[in-house]
């Protein structure tokens, strides 16, 4: 038996092949969209996945202002942040956040599903979210994918 044919390939920064993907978030449920995008950003959809390397693709998400939430989450779901001053805890509902920053809900959902370390921060920088259909990444010619057909 030739043991050289069974070697495990470990990707590194030089051997990773990244591509640009375009995802339309219109009528997508927020959590399901975020989990699929997080897997793409990590590179878990590729056979060359390596846990300690940023081997995911670049993702451009458009129509982030047209996502869906199930149930009464538009009123019940709260986003909490702290100003840094005593008594400075603030909270906003999903409705208020969508009116103020339509792209922030998708960003927060995906960021929460990525690793909480330097590698996760680097993976998060590979995602670009836009509220409308316009985006400045046409020069990279992103490939449009349908999340309902991918795993």
Protein backbone atom coordinates (compact mmCIF):
# COMPACT_ATOMS: atom_id res chain seq x y z
CA UNK A 1 0.00 0.00 0.00
CA UNK A 2 1.32 3.40 -0.96
CA UNK A 3 1.07 5.52 2.18
CA UNK A 4 1.95 8.75 0.38
CA UNK A 5 -1.45 8.85 -1.31
CA UNK A 6 -3.23 9.05 2.04
CA UNK A 7 -1.50 12.13 3.40
CA UNK A 8 -3.75 14.76 4.90
CA UNK A 9 -3.40 18.09 3.18
CA UNK A 10 -3.17 21.05 5.54
CA UNK A 11 -3.92 24.42 3.98
CA UNK A 12 -1.89 27.51 4.74
CA UNK A 13 -2.09 31.17 3.79
CA UNK A 14 -0.28 30.65 0.50
CA UNK A 15 -2.27 27.61 -0.71
CA UNK A 16 -5.77 28.82 0.16
CA UNK A 17 -7.94 29.63 -2.85
CA UNK A 18 -10.54 32.25 -2.02
CA UNK A 19 -13.40 33.39 -4.21
CA UNK A 20 -16.01 36.15 -3.98
CA UNK A 21 -19.62 35.12 -3.32
CA UNK A 22 -22.78 37.24 -3.56
CA UNK A 23 -25.72 36.41 -1.31
CA UNK A 24 -29.14 38.02 -1.60
CA UNK A 25 -30.69 38.21 1.88
CA UNK A 26 -34.18 39.13 0.67
CA UNK A 27 -36.85 37.05 2.50
CA UNK A 28 -34.18 35.00 4.31
CA UNK A 29 -34.55 34.19 8.02
CA UNK A 30 -31.77 35.92 9.97
CA UNK A 31 -30.42 32.98 11.98
CA UNK A 32 -30.42 30.52 9.10
CA UNK A 33 -28.70 33.05 6.85
CA UNK A 34 -26.10 33.83 9.52
CA UNK A 35 -25.20 30.19 10.20
CA UNK A 36 -24.69 29.43 6.51
CA UNK A 37 -22.63 32.59 5.98
CA UNK A 38 -20.50 31.78 9.05
CA UNK A 39 -19.73 28.33 7.61
CA UNK A 40 -18.71 29.90 4.30
CA UNK A 41 -16.51 32.48 6.06
CA UNK A 42 -14.79 29.74 8.08
CA UNK A 43 -14.29 27.59 4.98
CA UNK A 44 -16.15 24.57 6.35
CA UNK A 45 -17.83 24.07 2.98
CA UNK A 46 -14.47 23.27 1.35
CA UNK A 47 -12.62 19.94 1.41
CA UNK A 48 -9.39 21.79 2.29
CA UNK A 49 -10.80 23.17 5.57
CA UNK A 50 -8.10 23.74 8.17
CA UNK A 51 -9.23 24.99 11.59
CA UNK A 52 -6.28 27.31 12.28
CA UNK A 53 -6.23 29.01 8.85
CA UNK A 54 -8.54 31.60 7.31
CA UNK A 55 -9.57 29.46 4.34
CA UNK A 56 -13.08 30.85 3.84
CA UNK A 57 -14.37 32.89 0.94
CA UNK A 58 -15.18 36.60 0.68
CA UNK A 59 -18.93 37.15 1.10
CA UNK A 60 -20.98 40.13 -0.10
CA UNK A 61 -24.51 40.25 1.34
CA UNK A 62 -27.06 42.54 -0.31
CA UNK A 63 -30.64 43.44 0.67
CA UNK A 64 -29.88 43.13 4.38
CA UNK A 65 -32.82 45.44 5.07
CA UNK A 66 -35.25 42.79 3.76
CA UNK A 67 -34.43 39.94 6.15
CA UNK A 68 -37.11 38.18 8.18
CA UNK A 69 -37.45 37.32 11.84
CA UNK A 70 -39.91 34.69 13.03
CA UNK A 71 -42.46 35.16 15.79
CA UNK A 72 -42.54 38.47 17.64
CA UNK A 73 -38.77 38.95 17.57
CA UNK A 74 -39.08 42.36 15.92
CA UNK A 75 -40.38 43.69 19.25
CA UNK A 76 -38.97 41.15 21.74
CA UNK A 77 -35.37 40.70 20.56
CA UNK A 78 -33.03 43.20 22.19
CA UNK A 79 -29.46 44.18 21.40
CA UNK A 80 -27.51 45.31 24.47
CA UNK A 81 -24.34 47.41 24.55
CA UNK A 82 -22.52 49.38 27.21
CA UNK A 83 -21.18 52.92 26.87
CA UNK A 84 -18.32 52.31 29.28
CA UNK A 85 -19.65 54.70 31.91
CA UNK A 86 -21.35 53.65 35.16
CA UNK A 87 -24.99 52.89 34.49
CA UNK A 88 -24.33 53.04 30.76
CA UNK A 89 -26.05 49.84 29.65
CA UNK A 90 -28.28 50.55 26.64
CA UNK A 91 -30.62 48.26 24.75
CA UNK A 92 -32.45 48.55 21.45
CA UNK A 93 -35.06 46.35 19.85
CA UNK A 94 -34.70 44.73 16.46
CA UNK A 95 -37.16 47.25 14.97
CA UNK A 96 -35.12 50.21 16.22
CA UNK A 97 -31.83 48.71 15.04
CA UNK A 98 -33.27 47.96 11.58
CA UNK A 99 -34.46 51.56 11.26
CA UNK A 100 -31.11 52.97 12.37
CA UNK A 101 -28.57 50.55 10.81
CA UNK A 102 -30.19 47.90 8.54
CA UNK A 103 -26.93 46.01 8.02
CA UNK A 104 -26.04 45.71 11.73
CA UNK A 105 -28.42 42.84 12.51
CA UNK A 106 -26.79 40.58 9.93
CA UNK A 107 -23.30 41.59 11.05
CA UNK A 108 -24.06 40.91 14.72
CA UNK A 109 -25.67 37.55 13.97
CA UNK A 110 -22.74 36.33 11.86
CA UNK A 111 -20.09 37.69 14.22
CA UNK A 112 -21.66 35.78 17.10
CA UNK A 113 -21.25 32.53 15.15
CA UNK A 114 -17.55 33.00 14.37
CA UNK A 115 -14.66 32.11 16.71
CA UNK A 116 -13.97 34.64 19.46
CA UNK A 117 -10.27 35.16 18.70
CA UNK A 118 -7.96 36.89 16.20
CA UNK A 119 -8.78 34.35 13.50
CA UNK A 120 -12.51 35.02 13.92
CA UNK A 121 -11.89 38.76 13.62
CA UNK A 122 -9.97 38.18 10.38
CA UNK A 123 -12.80 36.01 9.02
CA UNK A 124 -15.34 38.70 9.91
CA UNK A 125 -13.39 41.23 7.82
CA UNK A 126 -14.04 39.03 4.75
CA UNK A 127 -17.79 39.81 4.93
CA UNK A 128 -19.38 42.94 3.47
CA UNK A 129 -23.06 43.70 4.18
CA UNK A 130 -25.16 46.28 2.32
CA UNK A 131 -28.75 47.36 2.93
CA UNK A 132 -29.68 47.82 -0.72
CA UNK A 133 -28.85 46.04 -3.93
CA UNK A 134 -25.88 48.31 -4.75
CA UNK A 135 -22.38 47.27 -3.69
CA UNK A 136 -18.88 48.46 -4.67
CA UNK A 137 -17.46 44.95 -5.25
CA UNK A 138 -18.50 44.51 -8.88
CA UNK A 139 -14.83 44.58 -9.90
CA UNK A 140 -14.25 41.28 -8.08
CA UNK A 141 -17.15 39.73 -10.08
CA UNK A 142 -18.73 37.84 -7.16
CA UNK A 143 -20.53 34.61 -7.96
CA UNK A 144 -24.20 34.68 -6.89
CA UNK A 145 -25.18 31.65 -4.83
CA UNK A 146 -28.49 30.43 -3.44
CA UNK A 147 -28.25 29.51 0.24
CA UNK A 148 -31.24 27.17 0.03
CA UNK A 149 -29.30 24.80 -2.26
CA UNK A 150 -26.01 24.90 -0.31
CA UNK A 151 -25.39 23.12 2.97
